PDB file of N, CA and C in Angstrom:
ATOM      1  N   MET A   1     -74.818  45.503 -87.217  1.00  0.00           N
ATOM      2  CA  MET A   1     -75.198  44.445 -88.137  1.00  0.00           C
ATOM      3  C   MET A   1     -74.198  43.289 -88.017  1.00  0.00           C
ATOM      4  N   GLN A   2     -74.736  42.103 -87.802  1.00  0.00           N
ATOM      5  CA  GLN A   2     -73.905  40.919 -87.681  1.00  0.00           C
ATOM      6  C   GLN A   2     -73.747  40.237 -89.038  1.00  0.00           C
ATOM      7  N   PRO A   3     -72.680  39.497 -89.202  1.00  0.00           N
ATOM      8  CA  PRO A   3     -72.581  38.653 -90.391  1.00  0.00           C
ATOM      9  C   PRO A   3     -73.747  37.656 -90.397  1.00  0.00           C
ATOM     10  N   PRO A   4     -74.192  37.183 -91.562  1.00  0.00           N
ATOM     11  CA  PRO A   4     -75.383  36.340 -91.613  1.00  0.00           C
ATOM     12  C   PRO A   4     -75.267  35.022 -90.854  1.00  0.00           C
ATOM     13  N   ASN A   5     -74.087  34.459 -90.723  1.00  0.00           N
ATOM     14  CA  ASN A   5     -73.945  33.173 -90.037  1.00  0.00           C
ATOM     15  C   ASN A   5     -73.496  33.320 -88.586  1.00  0.00           C
ATOM     16  N   ALA A   6     -73.429  34.530 -88.059  1.00  0.00           N
ATOM     17  CA  ALA A   6     -72.960  34.744 -86.691  1.00  0.00           C
ATOM     18  C   ALA A   6     -74.118  34.596 -85.708  1.00  0.00           C
ATOM     19  N   GLU A   7     -73.857  33.909 -84.630  1.00  0.00           N
ATOM     20  CA  GLU A   7     -74.855  33.741 -83.580  1.00  0.00           C
ATOM     21  C   GLU A   7     -74.187  33.950 -82.239  1.00  0.00           C
ATOM     22  N   TYR A   8     -74.954  34.501 -81.308  1.00  0.00           N
ATOM     23  CA  TYR A   8     -74.471  34.613 -79.936  1.00  0.00           C
ATOM     24  C   TYR A   8     -74.577  33.253 -79.269  1.00  0.00           C
ATOM     25  N   TRP A   9     -73.640  32.958 -78.405  1.00  0.00           N
ATOM     26  CA  TRP A   9     -73.737  31.740 -77.616  1.00  0.00           C
ATOM     27  C   TRP A   9     -74.684  32.007 -76.472  1.00  0.00           C
ATOM     28  N   ASN A  10     -75.553  31.080 -76.197  1.00  0.00           N
ATOM     29  CA  ASN A  10     -76.527  31.203 -75.120  1.00  0.00           C
ATOM     30  C   ASN A  10     -75.814  30.919 -73.796  1.00  0.00           C
ATOM     31  N   THR A  11     -75.659  31.950 -72.969  1.00  0.00           N
ATOM     32  CA  THR A  11     -74.923  31.775 -71.713  1.00  0.00           C
ATOM     33  C   THR A  11     -75.695  30.912 -70.719  1.00  0.00           C
ATOM     34  N   GLY A  12     -77.007  30.973 -70.760  1.00  0.00           N
ATOM     35  CA  GLY A  12     -77.801  30.112 -69.877  1.00  0.00           C
ATOM     36  C   GLY A  12     -77.625  28.647 -70.192  1.00  0.00           C
ATOM     37  N   ARG A  13     -77.661  28.337 -71.477  1.00  0.00           N
ATOM     38  CA  ARG A  13     -77.459  26.947 -71.900  1.00  0.00           C
ATOM     39  C   ARG A  13     -76.042  26.489 -71.566  1.00  0.00           C
ATOM     40  N   ALA A  14     -75.064  27.354 -71.773  1.00  0.00           N
ATOM     41  CA  ALA A  14     -73.683  26.997 -71.441  1.00  0.00           C
ATOM     42  C   ALA A  14     -73.532  26.735 -69.951  1.00  0.00           C
ATOM     43  N   THR A  15     -74.229  27.517 -69.135  1.00  0.00           N
ATOM     44  CA  THR A  15     -74.169  27.325 -67.687  1.00  0.00           C
ATOM     45  C   THR A  15     -74.777  25.987 -67.285  1.00  0.00           C
ATOM     46  N   VAL A  16     -75.904  25.649 -67.873  1.00  0.00           N
ATOM     47  CA  VAL A  16     -76.562  24.366 -67.556  1.00  0.00           C
ATOM     48  C   VAL A  16     -75.685  23.195 -68.008  1.00  0.00           C
ATOM     49  N   TYR A  17     -75.137  23.288 -69.216  1.00  0.00           N
ATOM     50  CA  TYR A  17     -74.255  22.224 -69.689  1.00  0.00           C
ATOM     51  C   TYR A  17     -73.008  22.107 -68.819  1.00  0.00           C
ATOM     52  N   GLY A  18     -72.485  23.242 -68.373  1.00  0.00           N
ATOM     53  CA  GLY A  18     -71.328  23.221 -67.482  1.00  0.00           C
ATOM     54  C   GLY A  18     -71.641  22.541 -66.164  1.00  0.00           C
ATOM     55  N   ALA A  19     -72.821  22.805 -65.621  1.00  0.00           N
ATOM     56  CA  ALA A  19     -73.220  22.146 -64.373  1.00  0.00           C
ATOM     57  C   ALA A  19     -73.320  20.636 -64.571  1.00  0.00           C
ATOM     58  N   ALA A  20     -73.873  20.219 -65.702  1.00  0.00           N
ATOM     59  CA  ALA A  20     -73.979  18.787 -65.983  1.00  0.00           C
ATOM     60  C   ALA A  20     -72.593  18.153 -66.111  1.00  0.00           C
ATOM     61  N   ILE A  21     -71.689  18.832 -66.777  1.00  0.00           N
ATOM     62  CA  ILE A  21     -70.321  18.326 -66.900  1.00  0.00           C
ATOM     63  C   ILE A  21     -69.666  18.226 -65.527  1.00  0.00           C
ATOM     64  N   GLY A  22     -69.901  19.225 -64.671  1.00  0.00           N
ATOM     65  CA  GLY A  22     -69.346  19.194 -63.321  1.00  0.00           C
ATOM     66  C   GLY A  22     -69.872  18.032 -62.494  1.00  0.00           C
ATOM     67  N   ILE A  23     -71.153  17.736 -62.629  1.00  0.00           N
ATOM     68  CA  ILE A  23     -71.736  16.615 -61.884  1.00  0.00           C
ATOM     69  C   ILE A  23     -71.134  15.296 -62.363  1.00  0.00           C
ATOM     70  N   VAL A  24     -70.963  15.158 -63.669  1.00  0.00           N
ATOM     71  CA  VAL A  24     -70.354  13.928 -64.200  1.00  0.00           C
ATOM     72  C   VAL A  24     -68.901  13.809 -63.731  1.00  0.00           C
ATOM     73  N   ALA A  25     -68.172  14.915 -63.737  1.00  0.00           N
ATOM     74  CA  ALA A  25     -66.776  14.885 -63.272  1.00  0.00           C
ATOM     75  C   ALA A  25     -66.701  14.509 -61.799  1.00  0.00           C
ATOM     76  N   ALA A  26     -67.601  15.059 -60.993  1.00  0.00           N
ATOM     77  CA  ALA A  26     -67.611  14.721 -59.564  1.00  0.00           C
ATOM     78  C   ALA A  26     -67.966  13.254 -59.361  1.00  0.00           C
ATOM     79  N   ALA A  27     -68.883  12.734 -60.171  1.00  0.00           N
ATOM     80  CA  ALA A  27     -69.256  11.323 -60.044  1.00  0.00           C
ATOM     81  C   ALA A  27     -68.072  10.415 -60.371  1.00  0.00           C
ATOM     82  N   PHE A  28     -67.330  10.751 -61.430  1.00  0.00           N
ATOM     83  CA  PHE A  28     -66.136   9.956 -61.756  1.00  0.00           C
ATOM     84  C   PHE A  28     -65.128  10.001 -60.612  1.00  0.00           C
ATOM     85  N   LYS A  29     -64.972  11.178 -60.019  1.00  0.00           N
ATOM     86  CA  LYS A  29     -63.992  11.311 -58.945  1.00  0.00           C
ATOM     87  C   LYS A  29     -64.427  10.551 -57.694  1.00  0.00           C
ATOM     88  N   LEU A  30     -65.701  10.677 -57.327  1.00  0.00           N
ATOM     89  CA  LEU A  30     -66.170  10.090 -56.073  1.00  0.00           C
ATOM     90  C   LEU A  30     -66.389   8.583 -56.146  1.00  0.00           C
ATOM     91  N   PHE A  31     -66.866   8.107 -57.280  1.00  0.00           N
ATOM     92  CA  PHE A  31     -67.243   6.699 -57.366  1.00  0.00           C
ATOM     93  C   PHE A  31     -66.220   5.849 -58.103  1.00  0.00           C
ATOM     94  N   ALA A  32     -65.018   6.339 -58.208  1.00  0.00           N
ATOM     95  CA  ALA A  32     -63.951   5.569 -58.833  1.00  0.00           C
ATOM     96  C   ALA A  32     -63.610   4.373 -57.949  1.00  0.00           C
ATOM     97  N   PRO A  33     -63.231   3.264 -58.557  1.00  0.00           N
ATOM     98  CA  PRO A  33     -62.940   2.066 -57.753  1.00  0.00           C
ATOM     99  C   PRO A  33     -61.737   2.230 -56.826  1.00  0.00           C
ATOM    100  N   TRP A  34     -60.832   3.118 -57.131  1.00  0.00           N
ATOM    101  CA  TRP A  34     -59.659   3.323 -56.280  1.00  0.00           C
ATOM    102  C   TRP A  34     -59.906   4.360 -55.195  1.00  0.00           C
ATOM    103  N   SER A  35     -61.103   4.927 -55.156  1.00  0.00           N
ATOM    104  CA  SER A  35     -61.436   5.957 -54.170  1.00  0.00           C
ATOM    105  C   SER A  35     -62.028   5.312 -52.921  1.00  0.00           C
ATOM    106  N   GLU A  36     -61.760   5.926 -51.783  1.00  0.00           N
ATOM    107  CA  GLU A  36     -62.322   5.413 -50.534  1.00  0.00           C
ATOM    108  C   GLU A  36     -63.788   5.840 -50.422  1.00  0.00           C
ATOM    109  N   ALA A  37     -64.496   5.248 -49.501  1.00  0.00           N
ATOM    110  CA  ALA A  37     -65.908   5.567 -49.291  1.00  0.00           C
ATOM    111  C   ALA A  37     -66.052   6.977 -48.712  1.00  0.00           C
ATOM    112  N   HIS A  38     -67.106   7.679 -49.123  1.00  0.00           N
ATOM    113  CA  HIS A  38     -67.359   9.046 -48.666  1.00  0.00           C
ATOM    114  C   HIS A  38     -68.706   9.100 -47.966  1.00  0.00           C
ATOM    115  N   SER A  39     -68.837  10.051 -47.052  1.00  0.00           N
ATOM    116  CA  SER A  39     -70.120  10.241 -46.395  1.00  0.00           C
ATOM    117  C   SER A  39     -71.072  10.980 -47.331  1.00  0.00           C
ATOM    118  N   LEU A  40     -72.360  10.913 -47.030  1.00  0.00           N
ATOM    119  CA  LEU A  40     -73.358  11.557 -47.878  1.00  0.00           C
ATOM    120  C   LEU A  40     -73.181  13.078 -47.936  1.00  0.00           C
ATOM    121  N   PRO A  41     -72.906  13.770 -46.811  1.00  0.00           N
ATOM    122  CA  PRO A  41     -72.662  15.219 -46.918  1.00  0.00           C
ATOM    123  C   PRO A  41     -71.424  15.565 -47.759  1.00  0.00           C
ATOM    124  N   ALA A  42     -70.406  14.752 -47.688  1.00  0.00           N
ATOM    125  CA  ALA A  42     -69.211  14.997 -48.506  1.00  0.00           C
ATOM    126  C   ALA A  42     -69.525  14.819 -49.983  1.00  0.00           C
ATOM    127  N   ILE A  43     -70.331  13.826 -50.309  1.00  0.00           N
ATOM    128  CA  ILE A  43     -70.722  13.609 -51.700  1.00  0.00           C
ATOM    129  C   ILE A  43     -71.550  14.784 -52.199  1.00  0.00           C
ATOM    130  N   ALA A  44     -72.488  15.258 -51.381  1.00  0.00           N
ATOM    131  CA  ALA A  44     -73.336  16.389 -51.773  1.00  0.00           C
ATOM    132  C   ALA A  44     -72.493  17.648 -51.982  1.00  0.00           C
ATOM    133  N   ARG A  45     -71.533  17.899 -51.084  1.00  0.00           N
ATOM    134  CA  ARG A  45     -70.658  19.065 -51.241  1.00  0.00           C
ATOM    135  C   ARG A  45     -69.820  18.969 -52.506  1.00  0.00           C
ATOM    136  N   GLU A  46     -69.328  17.783 -52.796  1.00  0.00           N
ATOM    137  CA  GLU A  46     -68.510  17.592 -53.996  1.00  0.00           C
ATOM    138  C   GLU A  46     -69.330  17.834 -55.264  1.00  0.00           C
ATOM    139  N   PHE A  47     -70.529  17.280 -55.318  1.00  0.00           N
ATOM    140  CA  PHE A  47     -71.396  17.494 -56.476  1.00  0.00           C
ATOM    141  C   PHE A  47     -71.751  18.966 -56.634  1.00  0.00           C
ATOM    142  N   ALA A  48     -72.135  19.614 -55.542  1.00  0.00           N
ATOM    143  CA  ALA A  48     -72.526  21.026 -55.609  1.00  0.00           C
ATOM    144  C   ALA A  48     -71.344  21.912 -56.005  1.00  0.00           C
ATOM    145  N   GLY A  49     -70.195  21.662 -55.426  1.00  0.00           N
ATOM    146  CA  GLY A  49     -69.016  22.460 -55.742  1.00  0.00           C
ATOM    147  C   GLY A  49     -68.574  22.298 -57.178  1.00  0.00           C
ATOM    148  N   ALA A  50     -68.548  21.063 -57.663  1.00  0.00           N
ATOM    149  CA  ALA A  50     -68.135  20.818 -59.046  1.00  0.00           C
ATOM    150  C   ALA A  50     -69.153  21.397 -60.026  1.00  0.00           C
ATOM    151  N   ALA A  51     -70.438  21.234 -59.733  1.00  0.00           N
ATOM    152  CA  ALA A  51     -71.469  21.778 -60.622  1.00  0.00           C
ATOM    153  C   ALA A  51     -71.376  23.301 -60.682  1.00  0.00           C
ATOM    154  N   LEU A  52     -71.189  23.933 -59.542  1.00  0.00           N
ATOM    155  CA  LEU A  52     -71.084  25.390 -59.509  1.00  0.00           C
ATOM    156  C   LEU A  52     -69.831  25.873 -60.242  1.00  0.00           C
ATOM    157  N   ALA A  53     -68.719  25.229 -59.995  1.00  0.00           N
ATOM    158  CA  ALA A  53     -67.466  25.650 -60.624  1.00  0.00           C
ATOM    159  C   ALA A  53     -67.531  25.502 -62.149  1.00  0.00           C
ATOM    160  N   PHE A  54     -67.991  24.359 -62.630  1.00  0.00           N
ATOM    161  CA  PHE A  54     -68.063  24.157 -64.075  1.00  0.00           C
ATOM    162  C   PHE A  54     -69.127  25.042 -64.707  1.00  0.00           C
ATOM    163  N   ALA A  55     -70.246  25.271 -64.011  1.00  0.00           N
ATOM    164  CA  ALA A  55     -71.285  26.147 -64.539  1.00  0.00           C
ATOM    165  C   ALA A  55     -70.761  27.571 -64.698  1.00  0.00           C
ATOM    166  N   LEU A  56     -70.071  28.058 -63.692  1.00  0.00           N
ATOM    167  CA  LEU A  56     -69.496  29.403 -63.792  1.00  0.00           C
ATOM    168  C   LEU A  56     -68.446  29.475 -64.894  1.00  0.00           C
ATOM    169  N   LEU A  57     -67.612  28.475 -64.976  1.00  0.00           N
ATOM    170  CA  LEU A  57     -66.575  28.454 -66.008  1.00  0.00           C
ATOM    171  C   LEU A  57     -67.178  28.500 -67.413  1.00  0.00           C
ATOM    172  N   CYS A  58     -68.160  27.658 -67.668  1.00  0.00           N
ATOM    173  CA  CYS A  58     -68.756  27.607 -69.004  1.00  0.00           C
ATOM    174  C   CYS A  58     -69.591  28.856 -69.299  1.00  0.00           C
ATOM    175  N   GLY A  59     -70.321  29.359 -68.300  1.00  0.00           N
ATOM    176  CA  GLY A  59     -71.101  30.569 -68.505  1.00  0.00           C
ATOM    177  C   GLY A  59     -70.226  31.775 -68.783  1.00  0.00           C
ATOM    178  N   ILE A  60     -69.145  31.910 -68.044  1.00  0.00           N
ATOM    179  CA  ILE A  60     -68.227  33.029 -68.261  1.00  0.00           C
ATOM    180  C   ILE A  60     -67.515  32.889 -69.607  1.00  0.00           C
ATOM    181  N   ALA A  61     -67.168  31.666 -69.976  1.00  0.00           N
ATOM    182  CA  ALA A  61     -66.529  31.458 -71.283  1.00  0.00           C
ATOM    183  C   ALA A  61     -67.467  31.850 -72.424  1.00  0.00           C
ATOM    184  N   ALA A  62     -68.743  31.518 -72.317  1.00  0.00           N
ATOM    185  CA  ALA A  62     -69.707  31.896 -73.356  1.00  0.00           C
ATOM    186  C   ALA A  62     -69.894  33.409 -73.403  1.00  0.00           C
ATOM    187  N   ALA A  63     -69.989  34.034 -72.231  1.00  0.00           N
ATOM    188  CA  ALA A  63     -70.138  35.497 -72.198  1.00  0.00           C
ATOM    189  C   ALA A  63     -68.902  36.187 -72.766  1.00  0.00           C
ATOM    190  N   LEU A  64     -67.727  35.680 -72.444  1.00  0.00           N
ATOM    191  CA  LEU A  64     -66.490  36.254 -72.972  1.00  0.00           C
ATOM    192  C   LEU A  64     -66.414  36.078 -74.490  1.00  0.00           C
ATOM    193  N   ARG A  65     -66.809  34.938 -74.987  1.00  0.00           N
ATOM    194  CA  ARG A  65     -66.823  34.709 -76.427  1.00  0.00           C
ATOM    195  C   ARG A  65     -67.770  35.693 -77.105  1.00  0.00           C
ATOM    196  N   ASN A  66     -68.958  35.907 -76.527  1.00  0.00           N
ATOM    197  CA  ASN A  66     -69.905  36.856 -77.107  1.00  0.00           C
ATOM    198  C   ASN A  66     -69.330  38.268 -77.111  1.00  0.00           C
ATOM    199  N   PHE A  67     -68.683  38.653 -76.023  1.00  0.00           N
ATOM    200  CA  PHE A  67     -68.088  39.982 -75.928  1.00  0.00           C
ATOM    201  C   PHE A  67     -67.001  40.174 -76.981  1.00  0.00           C
ATOM    202  N   ILE A  68     -66.106  39.193 -77.080  1.00  0.00           N
ATOM    203  CA  ILE A  68     -65.008  39.293 -78.046  1.00  0.00           C
ATOM    204  C   ILE A  68     -65.557  39.338 -79.465  1.00  0.00           C
ATOM    205  N   ALA A  69     -66.514  38.490 -79.763  1.00  0.00           N
ATOM    206  CA  ALA A  69     -67.071  38.467 -81.114  1.00  0.00           C
ATOM    207  C   ALA A  69     -67.784  39.777 -81.437  1.00  0.00           C
ATOM    208  N   ARG A  70     -68.533  40.297 -80.482  1.00  0.00           N
ATOM    209  CA  ARG A  70     -69.300  41.516 -80.730  1.00  0.00           C
ATOM    210  C   ARG A  70     -68.400  42.735 -80.852  1.00  0.00           C
ATOM    211  N   ARG A  71     -67.383  42.833 -80.041  1.00  0.00           N
ATOM    212  CA  ARG A  71     -66.546  44.035 -80.006  1.00  0.00           C
ATOM    213  C   ARG A  71     -65.343  43.996 -80.938  1.00  0.00           C
ATOM    214  N   LEU A  72     -64.776  42.821 -81.151  1.00  0.00           N
ATOM    215  CA  LEU A  72     -63.521  42.750 -81.884  1.00  0.00           C
ATOM    216  C   LEU A  72     -63.628  42.127 -83.272  1.00  0.00           C
ATOM    217  N   ILE A  73     -64.503  41.144 -83.436  1.00  0.00           N
ATOM    218  CA  ILE A  73     -64.520  40.412 -84.697  1.00  0.00           C
ATOM    219  C   ILE A  73     -65.581  40.956 -85.645  1.00  0.00           C
ATOM    220  N   TRP A  74     -66.839  41.043 -85.193  1.00  0.00           N
ATOM    221  CA  TRP A  74     -67.921  41.431 -86.096  1.00  0.00           C
ATOM    222  C   TRP A  74     -67.793  42.860 -86.622  1.00  0.00           C
ATOM    223  N   PRO A  75     -67.288  43.826 -85.866  1.00  0.00           N
ATOM    224  CA  PRO A  75     -67.118  45.155 -86.482  1.00  0.00           C
ATOM    225  C   PRO A  75     -66.145  45.147 -87.663  1.00  0.00           C
ATOM    226  N   LYS A  76     -65.161  44.274 -87.638  1.00  0.00           N
ATOM    227  CA  LYS A  76     -64.181  44.204 -88.733  1.00  0.00           C
ATOM    228  C   LYS A  76     -64.785  43.539 -89.968  1.00  0.00           C
ATOM    229  N   VAL A  77     -65.802  42.689 -89.766  1.00  0.00           N
ATOM    230  CA  VAL A  77     -66.399  41.980 -90.881  1.00  0.00           C
ATOM    231  C   VAL A  77     -67.294  42.910 -91.690  1.00  0.00           C
ATOM    232  N   GLN A  78     -67.892  43.881 -91.061  1.00  0.00           N
ATOM    233  CA  GLN A  78     -68.852  44.771 -91.716  1.00  0.00           C
ATOM    234  C   GLN A  78     -68.222  45.659 -92.728  1.00  0.00           C
TER     235      GLN A  78
END
């Protein structure tokens, strides 16, 4: 039994939001005025790598939060 205001974090949504954050971060890095010009394959690799890294980071963080809340916090509340 969970506390009435407790909710699980949606790991899928966290992963999608993380990918979006990664794409924005890569865009800031690649298209900064002090940055040199990049080839199209390099830009694609940078976007894909940043999106994957941030998506994994946010998805794992949400899953870890759910695990900690379910195993350590909510049993003590009951």
